[in-house]
Amino acid sequence: MNSETQQHLTVKTREWLIKQGYNPQDLNQHGENGDTALMKATKAGIMPIVQELIDVGVDVNAKNNDSNNALWFACFGNHYNLINLLLSAQIDINNQNDNGATVLMYAASAGKVDVLQLLLKHHPNLDLKNLDDFKAIDFASNIEVLRILKNATKASNR
């Protein structure tokens, strides 16, 4: 990020970045566990900062030390507005972390029905497998998740 980009940051965002240990002139900087400022703001559910960082052109597909992108944190925190925002900013919905897990697999394993349904609206790859050769449907933690994923699989095979 150049100084021109930094000047487009609000004072509030610049102060937040500094308080979190990030350099406002390097918005793709990796901090603790390799998390970028976008990941940290997403994890905290701070919509205005996430929006501003996207608007100034941060790398939405940056990965942390576990190879998770910011979408993982939005799904983990049930931040539906941030899930939509990140997906509209072209974040990789099919990103696989160090274990080969995707956000869809995570949502299925955690029984996060609302997150799962939201992700499915954006057409994730239902056939991706993790390192243990399991698909999202194999992680279904309850009957409702299983039903939703079975229906999505049928619909994608039409």
N, C-alpha and C. Protein backbone atom coordinates (compact mmCIF):
# COMPACT_ATOMS: atom_id res chain seq x y z
N MET A 1 0.84 -1.18 0.00
CA MET A 1 0.00 0.00 0.00
C MET A 1 0.89 1.25 0.00
N ASN A 2 0.51 2.19 -0.78
CA ASN A 2 1.31 3.41 -0.84
C ASN A 2 0.74 4.49 0.07
N SER A 3 1.44 5.59 0.15
CA SER A 3 1.01 6.66 1.05
C SER A 3 -0.31 7.26 0.60
N GLU A 4 -0.58 7.23 -0.71
CA GLU A 4 -1.86 7.74 -1.20
C GLU A 4 -3.01 6.89 -0.64
N THR A 5 -2.83 5.58 -0.64
CA THR A 5 -3.85 4.69 -0.08
C THR A 5 -4.01 4.96 1.40
N GLN A 6 -2.91 5.13 2.09
CA GLN A 6 -2.96 5.37 3.53
C GLN A 6 -3.74 6.65 3.83
N GLN A 7 -3.60 7.66 2.97
CA GLN A 7 -4.31 8.91 3.19
C GLN A 7 -5.82 8.72 3.06
N HIS A 8 -6.25 7.68 2.34
CA HIS A 8 -7.67 7.41 2.18
C HIS A 8 -8.26 6.71 3.40
N LEU A 9 -7.43 6.27 4.31
CA LEU A 9 -7.92 5.63 5.53
C LEU A 9 -8.44 6.69 6.48
N THR A 10 -9.53 6.38 7.16
CA THR A 10 -10.03 7.30 8.17
C THR A 10 -9.09 7.29 9.37
N VAL A 11 -9.17 8.33 10.15
CA VAL A 11 -8.35 8.42 11.36
C VAL A 11 -8.68 7.23 12.28
N LYS A 12 -9.95 6.92 12.39
CA LYS A 12 -10.38 5.82 13.25
C LYS A 12 -9.73 4.50 12.82
N THR A 13 -9.70 4.24 11.53
CA THR A 13 -9.11 3.00 11.04
C THR A 13 -7.60 3.01 11.24
N ARG A 14 -6.96 4.13 10.96
CA ARG A 14 -5.51 4.22 11.18
C ARG A 14 -5.18 3.96 12.66
N GLU A 15 -5.95 4.57 13.54
CA GLU A 15 -5.73 4.36 14.97
C GLU A 15 -5.95 2.91 15.38
N TRP A 16 -6.98 2.29 14.82
CA TRP A 16 -7.26 0.88 15.11
C TRP A 16 -6.10 0.00 14.65
N LEU A 17 -5.62 0.26 13.44
CA LEU A 17 -4.50 -0.51 12.89
C LEU A 17 -3.27 -0.42 13.81
N ILE A 18 -2.93 0.79 14.20
CA ILE A 18 -1.76 0.99 15.06
C ILE A 18 -1.95 0.31 16.41
N LYS A 19 -3.15 0.43 16.97
CA LYS A 19 -3.44 -0.20 18.26
C LYS A 19 -3.31 -1.73 18.17
N GLN A 20 -3.63 -2.28 17.00
CA GLN A 20 -3.56 -3.73 16.80
C GLN A 20 -2.15 -4.19 16.39
N GLY A 21 -1.25 -3.23 16.23
CA GLY A 21 0.13 -3.58 15.87
C GLY A 21 0.40 -3.65 14.38
N TYR A 22 -0.49 -3.08 13.58
CA TYR A 22 -0.31 -3.09 12.12
C TYR A 22 0.19 -1.73 11.65
N ASN A 23 0.97 -1.75 10.60
CA ASN A 23 1.49 -0.54 9.99
C ASN A 23 0.48 -0.04 8.96
N PRO A 24 -0.08 1.14 9.13
CA PRO A 24 -1.07 1.66 8.18
C PRO A 24 -0.53 1.82 6.76
N GLN A 25 0.79 1.75 6.59
CA GLN A 25 1.37 1.86 5.25
C GLN A 25 1.59 0.48 4.62
N ASP A 26 1.33 -0.59 5.36
CA ASP A 26 1.44 -1.95 4.82
C ASP A 26 0.22 -2.74 5.27
N LEU A 27 -0.88 -2.53 4.57
CA LEU A 27 -2.15 -3.09 4.99
C LEU A 27 -2.26 -4.59 4.77
N ASN A 28 -1.30 -5.19 4.08
CA ASN A 28 -1.28 -6.64 3.91
C ASN A 28 -0.29 -7.31 4.84
N GLN A 29 0.22 -6.55 5.79
CA GLN A 29 1.19 -7.06 6.77
C GLN A 29 0.57 -8.20 7.57
N HIS A 30 1.39 -9.21 7.84
CA HIS A 30 0.95 -10.34 8.65
C HIS A 30 1.38 -10.13 10.10
N GLY A 31 0.45 -10.31 11.02
CA GLY A 31 0.73 -10.17 12.44
C GLY A 31 0.75 -11.53 13.11
N GLU A 32 0.22 -11.57 14.32
CA GLU A 32 0.18 -12.79 15.11
C GLU A 32 -0.54 -13.91 14.35
N ASN A 33 0.07 -15.09 14.31
CA ASN A 33 -0.42 -16.26 13.57
C ASN A 33 -0.59 -15.96 12.08
N GLY A 34 0.08 -14.92 11.61
CA GLY A 34 0.01 -14.58 10.20
C GLY A 34 -1.27 -13.85 9.81
N ASP A 35 -2.09 -13.46 10.80
CA ASP A 35 -3.34 -12.78 10.51
C ASP A 35 -3.08 -11.36 10.00
N THR A 36 -3.77 -11.01 8.93
CA THR A 36 -3.70 -9.64 8.41
C THR A 36 -4.70 -8.77 9.18
N ALA A 37 -4.62 -7.48 8.96
CA ALA A 37 -5.57 -6.56 9.60
C ALA A 37 -6.99 -6.89 9.16
N LEU A 38 -7.18 -7.28 7.91
CA LEU A 38 -8.51 -7.66 7.42
C LEU A 38 -9.04 -8.86 8.22
N MET A 39 -8.19 -9.83 8.45
CA MET A 39 -8.60 -11.01 9.22
C MET A 39 -8.97 -10.63 10.65
N LYS A 40 -8.15 -9.78 11.25
CA LYS A 40 -8.38 -9.39 12.64
C LYS A 40 -9.67 -8.58 12.78
N ALA A 41 -9.89 -7.67 11.85
CA ALA A 41 -11.12 -6.86 11.88
C ALA A 41 -12.34 -7.74 11.61
N THR A 42 -12.20 -8.72 10.74
CA THR A 42 -13.29 -9.65 10.45
C THR A 42 -13.59 -10.50 11.67
N LYS A 43 -12.55 -11.01 12.29
CA LYS A 43 -12.72 -11.83 13.50
C LYS A 43 -13.46 -11.04 14.58
N ALA A 44 -13.15 -9.76 14.70
CA ALA A 44 -13.79 -8.90 15.70
C ALA A 44 -15.17 -8.40 15.26
N GLY A 45 -15.51 -8.65 13.99
CA GLY A 45 -16.81 -8.23 13.49
C GLY A 45 -16.96 -6.75 13.28
N ILE A 46 -15.88 -6.07 12.92
CA ILE A 46 -15.89 -4.61 12.77
C ILE A 46 -16.14 -4.24 11.30
N MET A 47 -17.39 -4.20 10.94
CA MET A 47 -17.81 -3.97 9.55
C MET A 47 -17.19 -2.72 8.91
N PRO A 48 -17.22 -1.54 9.58
CA PRO A 48 -16.68 -0.35 8.91
C PRO A 48 -15.19 -0.49 8.56
N ILE A 49 -14.42 -1.12 9.41
CA ILE A 49 -12.98 -1.28 9.13
C ILE A 49 -12.77 -2.30 8.03
N VAL A 50 -13.51 -3.40 8.07
CA VAL A 50 -13.40 -4.40 7.00
C VAL A 50 -13.76 -3.75 5.66
N GLN A 51 -14.85 -3.00 5.63
CA GLN A 51 -15.27 -2.33 4.39
C GLN A 51 -14.19 -1.37 3.91
N GLU A 52 -13.65 -0.59 4.82
CA GLU A 52 -12.63 0.39 4.43
C GLU A 52 -11.37 -0.30 3.89
N LEU A 53 -10.96 -1.38 4.55
CA LEU A 53 -9.77 -2.10 4.09
C LEU A 53 -9.99 -2.68 2.69
N ILE A 54 -11.17 -3.22 2.46
CA ILE A 54 -11.49 -3.74 1.12
C ILE A 54 -11.49 -2.60 0.11
N ASP A 55 -12.10 -1.48 0.49
CA ASP A 55 -12.20 -0.33 -0.42
C ASP A 55 -10.83 0.21 -0.84
N VAL A 56 -9.83 0.14 0.05
CA VAL A 56 -8.50 0.64 -0.31
C VAL A 56 -7.63 -0.43 -0.96
N GLY A 57 -8.19 -1.62 -1.15
CA GLY A 57 -7.51 -2.61 -1.98
C GLY A 57 -6.63 -3.62 -1.28
N VAL A 58 -6.95 -3.96 -0.02
CA VAL A 58 -6.15 -5.02 0.62
C VAL A 58 -6.35 -6.33 -0.13
N ASP A 59 -5.46 -7.26 0.08
CA ASP A 59 -5.56 -8.58 -0.53
C ASP A 59 -6.59 -9.39 0.26
N VAL A 60 -7.80 -9.52 -0.27
CA VAL A 60 -8.84 -10.25 0.45
C VAL A 60 -8.54 -11.74 0.54
N ASN A 61 -7.69 -12.23 -0.33
CA ASN A 61 -7.36 -13.66 -0.33
C ASN A 61 -6.06 -13.99 0.40
N ALA A 62 -5.53 -13.03 1.16
CA ALA A 62 -4.34 -13.32 1.96
C ALA A 62 -4.66 -14.45 2.92
N LYS A 63 -3.65 -15.26 3.21
CA LYS A 63 -3.84 -16.41 4.12
C LYS A 63 -2.93 -16.25 5.33
N ASN A 64 -3.40 -16.78 6.45
CA ASN A 64 -2.58 -16.74 7.66
C ASN A 64 -1.71 -18.00 7.75
N ASN A 65 -1.08 -18.22 8.88
CA ASN A 65 -0.17 -19.36 9.03
C ASN A 65 -0.86 -20.71 8.88
N ASP A 66 -2.17 -20.75 9.07
CA ASP A 66 -2.94 -21.99 8.91
C ASP A 66 -3.57 -22.09 7.52
N SER A 67 -3.25 -21.13 6.67
CA SER A 67 -3.79 -21.01 5.31
C SER A 67 -5.28 -20.70 5.28
N ASN A 68 -5.80 -20.08 6.33
CA ASN A 68 -7.18 -19.60 6.32
C ASN A 68 -7.19 -18.17 5.81
N ASN A 69 -8.27 -17.80 5.09
CA ASN A 69 -8.45 -16.41 4.69
C ASN A 69 -9.49 -15.76 5.62
N ALA A 70 -9.80 -14.51 5.38
CA ALA A 70 -10.70 -13.77 6.27
C ALA A 70 -12.10 -14.38 6.33
N LEU A 71 -12.51 -15.07 5.27
CA LEU A 71 -13.84 -15.68 5.25
C LEU A 71 -14.00 -16.70 6.38
N TRP A 72 -12.92 -17.39 6.71
CA TRP A 72 -12.96 -18.37 7.81
C TRP A 72 -13.41 -17.68 9.11
N PHE A 73 -12.83 -16.50 9.37
CA PHE A 73 -13.14 -15.77 10.60
C PHE A 73 -14.56 -15.23 10.60
N ALA A 74 -15.04 -14.81 9.43
CA ALA A 74 -16.42 -14.34 9.33
C ALA A 74 -17.39 -15.48 9.62
N CYS A 75 -17.09 -16.66 9.09
CA CYS A 75 -17.95 -17.83 9.33
C CYS A 75 -17.87 -18.27 10.79
N PHE A 76 -16.67 -18.29 11.33
CA PHE A 76 -16.48 -18.69 12.73
C PHE A 76 -17.28 -17.80 13.67
N GLY A 77 -17.29 -16.50 13.39
CA GLY A 77 -17.97 -15.54 14.25
C GLY A 77 -19.43 -15.31 13.92
N ASN A 78 -19.96 -16.05 12.95
CA ASN A 78 -21.35 -15.86 12.50
C ASN A 78 -21.61 -14.41 12.09
N HIS A 79 -20.65 -13.81 11.43
CA HIS A 79 -20.77 -12.42 10.96
C HIS A 79 -21.33 -12.44 9.53
N TYR A 80 -22.65 -12.61 9.43
CA TYR A 80 -23.30 -12.80 8.13
C TYR A 80 -23.06 -11.62 7.19
N ASN A 81 -23.12 -10.40 7.72
CA ASN A 81 -22.89 -9.23 6.87
C ASN A 81 -21.47 -9.23 6.33
N LEU A 82 -20.51 -9.71 7.12
CA LEU A 82 -19.12 -9.75 6.66
C LEU A 82 -18.91 -10.89 5.67
N ILE A 83 -19.62 -11.99 5.86
CA ILE A 83 -19.54 -13.09 4.88
C ILE A 83 -19.97 -12.56 3.52
N ASN A 84 -21.12 -11.87 3.49
CA ASN A 84 -21.61 -11.30 2.23
C ASN A 84 -20.65 -10.29 1.64
N LEU A 85 -20.11 -9.42 2.49
CA LEU A 85 -19.17 -8.39 2.03
C LEU A 85 -17.92 -9.03 1.43
N LEU A 86 -17.35 -9.99 2.12
CA LEU A 86 -16.13 -10.65 1.63
C LEU A 86 -16.39 -11.40 0.33
N LEU A 87 -17.52 -12.07 0.25
CA LEU A 87 -17.84 -12.80 -0.98
C LEU A 87 -18.08 -11.83 -2.14
N SER A 88 -18.68 -10.68 -1.86
CA SER A 88 -18.87 -9.69 -2.94
C SER A 88 -17.54 -9.07 -3.36
N ALA A 89 -16.53 -9.16 -2.48
CA ALA A 89 -15.19 -8.65 -2.81
C ALA A 89 -14.33 -9.73 -3.45
N GLN A 90 -14.97 -10.83 -3.83
CA GLN A 90 -14.30 -11.92 -4.56
C GLN A 90 -13.32 -12.73 -3.73
N ILE A 91 -13.58 -12.87 -2.43
CA ILE A 91 -12.75 -13.75 -1.62
C ILE A 91 -12.98 -15.18 -2.09
N ASP A 92 -11.98 -16.02 -1.97
CA ASP A 92 -12.07 -17.39 -2.44
C ASP A 92 -12.88 -18.24 -1.47
N ILE A 93 -14.11 -18.56 -1.86
CA ILE A 93 -15.00 -19.36 -1.02
C ILE A 93 -14.49 -20.80 -0.91
N ASN A 94 -13.68 -21.22 -1.85
CA ASN A 94 -13.17 -22.59 -1.87
C ASN A 94 -11.74 -22.72 -1.32
N ASN A 95 -11.27 -21.68 -0.65
CA ASN A 95 -9.94 -21.74 -0.06
C ASN A 95 -9.85 -22.95 0.88
N GLN A 96 -8.75 -23.69 0.74
CA GLN A 96 -8.53 -24.84 1.63
C GLN A 96 -7.35 -24.54 2.53
N ASN A 97 -7.54 -24.74 3.84
CA ASN A 97 -6.48 -24.46 4.79
C ASN A 97 -5.47 -25.61 4.84
N ASP A 98 -4.59 -25.58 5.82
CA ASP A 98 -3.52 -26.59 5.91
C ASP A 98 -4.05 -28.01 6.03
N ASN A 99 -5.28 -28.16 6.52
CA ASN A 99 -5.89 -29.49 6.64
C ASN A 99 -6.79 -29.81 5.45
N GLY A 100 -6.82 -28.89 4.49
CA GLY A 100 -7.67 -29.07 3.32
C GLY A 100 -9.12 -28.68 3.58
N ALA A 101 -9.40 -28.13 4.75
CA ALA A 101 -10.77 -27.75 5.10
C ALA A 101 -11.16 -26.43 4.45
N THR A 102 -12.42 -26.39 4.03
CA THR A 102 -13.01 -25.16 3.48
C THR A 102 -13.98 -24.60 4.51
N VAL A 103 -14.46 -23.38 4.26
CA VAL A 103 -15.45 -22.80 5.17
C VAL A 103 -16.74 -23.60 5.15
N LEU A 104 -17.06 -24.21 4.02
CA LEU A 104 -18.26 -25.04 3.94
C LEU A 104 -18.11 -26.27 4.84
N MET A 105 -16.94 -26.89 4.82
CA MET A 105 -16.68 -28.03 5.70
C MET A 105 -16.77 -27.61 7.16
N TYR A 106 -16.20 -26.45 7.46
CA TYR A 106 -16.25 -25.94 8.83
C TYR A 106 -17.70 -25.72 9.27
N ALA A 107 -18.48 -25.04 8.44
CA ALA A 107 -19.88 -24.75 8.79
C ALA A 107 -20.66 -26.05 8.99
N ALA A 108 -20.42 -27.05 8.15
CA ALA A 108 -21.10 -28.33 8.28
C ALA A 108 -20.72 -29.02 9.58
N SER A 109 -19.44 -29.01 9.91
CA SER A 109 -18.97 -29.70 11.12
C SER A 109 -19.43 -29.00 12.39
N ALA A 110 -19.61 -27.68 12.32
CA ALA A 110 -20.02 -26.91 13.49
C ALA A 110 -21.54 -26.78 13.60
N GLY A 111 -22.26 -27.33 12.64
CA GLY A 111 -23.71 -27.25 12.68
C GLY A 111 -24.25 -25.85 12.48
N LYS A 112 -23.50 -25.03 11.75
CA LYS A 112 -23.89 -23.63 11.53
C LYS A 112 -24.80 -23.54 10.30
N VAL A 113 -26.06 -23.86 10.52
CA VAL A 113 -27.03 -23.94 9.44
C VAL A 113 -27.13 -22.63 8.67
N ASP A 114 -27.25 -21.50 9.37
CA ASP A 114 -27.40 -20.21 8.69
C ASP A 114 -26.16 -19.86 7.85
N VAL A 115 -24.98 -20.13 8.40
CA VAL A 115 -23.74 -19.88 7.65
C VAL A 115 -23.69 -20.79 6.43
N LEU A 116 -24.03 -22.05 6.63
CA LEU A 116 -24.03 -23.03 5.54
C LEU A 116 -24.95 -22.59 4.41
N GLN A 117 -26.17 -22.18 4.76
CA GLN A 117 -27.12 -21.75 3.73
C GLN A 117 -26.64 -20.50 3.00
N LEU A 118 -26.03 -19.59 3.73
CA LEU A 118 -25.49 -18.39 3.10
C LEU A 118 -24.36 -18.73 2.13
N LEU A 119 -23.46 -19.59 2.56
CA LEU A 119 -22.36 -20.00 1.68
C LEU A 119 -22.88 -20.70 0.43
N LEU A 120 -23.88 -21.54 0.58
CA LEU A 120 -24.41 -22.29 -0.56
C LEU A 120 -25.00 -21.37 -1.63
N LYS A 121 -25.48 -20.19 -1.23
CA LYS A 121 -26.00 -19.21 -2.20
C LYS A 121 -24.90 -18.73 -3.14
N HIS A 122 -23.64 -18.92 -2.74
CA HIS A 122 -22.51 -18.44 -3.53
C HIS A 122 -21.79 -19.58 -4.26
N HIS A 123 -22.44 -20.72 -4.32
CA HIS A 123 -22.00 -21.87 -5.12
C HIS A 123 -20.58 -22.36 -4.84
N PRO A 124 -20.30 -22.74 -3.59
CA PRO A 124 -18.98 -23.33 -3.30
C PRO A 124 -18.87 -24.70 -3.96
N ASN A 125 -17.66 -25.15 -4.11
CA ASN A 125 -17.40 -26.48 -4.68
C ASN A 125 -17.73 -27.54 -3.63
N LEU A 126 -18.79 -28.30 -3.86
CA LEU A 126 -19.24 -29.33 -2.91
C LEU A 126 -18.38 -30.58 -2.97
N ASP A 127 -17.54 -30.70 -4.00
CA ASP A 127 -16.75 -31.91 -4.20
C ASP A 127 -15.33 -31.83 -3.64
N LEU A 128 -14.94 -30.67 -3.11
CA LEU A 128 -13.60 -30.57 -2.54
C LEU A 128 -13.47 -31.51 -1.35
N LYS A 129 -12.26 -32.06 -1.19
CA LYS A 129 -12.00 -32.98 -0.09
C LYS A 129 -10.85 -32.45 0.76
N ASN A 130 -10.92 -32.74 2.05
CA ASN A 130 -9.82 -32.34 2.93
C ASN A 130 -8.71 -33.39 2.84
N LEU A 131 -7.69 -33.24 3.64
CA LEU A 131 -6.54 -34.16 3.58
C LEU A 131 -6.91 -35.59 3.95
N ASP A 132 -8.00 -35.76 4.68
CA ASP A 132 -8.47 -37.10 5.05
C ASP A 132 -9.49 -37.65 4.06
N ASP A 133 -9.65 -36.97 2.93
CA ASP A 133 -10.53 -37.42 1.85
C ASP A 133 -12.02 -37.26 2.16
N PHE A 134 -12.37 -36.29 3.01
CA PHE A 134 -13.77 -36.05 3.34
C PHE A 134 -14.28 -34.79 2.66
N LYS A 135 -15.53 -34.84 2.19
CA LYS A 135 -16.21 -33.69 1.63
C LYS A 135 -17.03 -33.01 2.73
N ALA A 136 -17.58 -31.84 2.42
CA ALA A 136 -18.40 -31.11 3.39
C ALA A 136 -19.54 -31.97 3.91
N ILE A 137 -20.19 -32.72 3.04
CA ILE A 137 -21.33 -33.55 3.46
C ILE A 137 -20.91 -34.59 4.50
N ASP A 138 -19.67 -35.04 4.43
CA ASP A 138 -19.16 -36.01 5.40
C ASP A 138 -19.01 -35.41 6.79
N PHE A 139 -18.99 -34.09 6.85
CA PHE A 139 -18.84 -33.39 8.13
C PHE A 139 -20.17 -32.99 8.75
N ALA A 140 -21.28 -33.32 8.09
CA ALA A 140 -22.60 -32.92 8.59
C ALA A 140 -22.75 -33.34 10.04
N SER A 141 -22.94 -32.35 10.90
CA SER A 141 -22.97 -32.62 12.34
C SER A 141 -24.38 -32.84 12.87
N ASN A 142 -25.36 -32.62 12.02
CA ASN A 142 -26.74 -32.89 12.43
C ASN A 142 -27.58 -33.17 11.18
N ILE A 143 -28.80 -33.64 11.42
CA ILE A 143 -29.69 -34.04 10.32
C ILE A 143 -30.00 -32.88 9.39
N GLU A 144 -30.21 -31.69 9.95
CA GLU A 144 -30.55 -30.54 9.11
C GLU A 144 -29.41 -30.19 8.16
N VAL A 145 -28.18 -30.19 8.67
CA VAL A 145 -27.01 -29.92 7.83
C VAL A 145 -26.91 -30.98 6.73
N LEU A 146 -27.12 -32.24 7.10
CA LEU A 146 -27.06 -33.32 6.12
C LEU A 146 -28.11 -33.14 5.03
N ARG A 147 -29.33 -32.80 5.42
CA ARG A 147 -30.41 -32.59 4.46
C ARG A 147 -30.08 -31.44 3.50
N ILE A 148 -29.59 -30.34 4.05
CA ILE A 148 -29.25 -29.17 3.23
C ILE A 148 -28.16 -29.52 2.22
N LEU A 149 -27.13 -30.22 2.68
CA LEU A 149 -26.02 -30.56 1.78
C LEU A 149 -26.43 -31.62 0.75
N LYS A 150 -27.30 -32.55 1.12
CA LYS A 150 -27.80 -33.54 0.14
C LYS A 150 -28.58 -32.82 -0.95
N ASN A 151 -29.45 -31.89 -0.55
CA ASN A 151 -30.23 -31.14 -1.53
C ASN A 151 -29.34 -30.28 -2.42
N ALA A 152 -28.32 -29.67 -1.84
CA ALA A 152 -27.40 -28.85 -2.63
C ALA A 152 -26.63 -29.70 -3.62
N THR A 153 -26.24 -30.90 -3.20
CA THR A 153 -25.50 -31.82 -4.08
C THR A 153 -26.40 -32.26 -5.24
N LYS A 154 -27.66 -32.61 -4.93
CA LYS A 154 -28.61 -33.00 -5.99
C LYS A 154 -28.78 -31.85 -6.99
N ALA A 155 -28.95 -30.64 -6.47
CA ALA A 155 -29.17 -29.48 -7.33
C ALA A 155 -27.95 -29.20 -8.20
N SER A 156 -26.77 -29.40 -7.68
CA SER A 156 -25.55 -29.12 -8.46
C SER A 156 -25.28 -30.20 -9.51
N ASN A 157 -25.90 -31.35 -9.36
CA ASN A 157 -25.71 -32.43 -10.34
C ASN A 157 -26.75 -32.41 -11.44
N ARG A 158 -27.68 -31.44 -11.40
CA ARG A 158 -28.72 -31.35 -12.44
C ARG A 158 -28.18 -30.75 -13.69
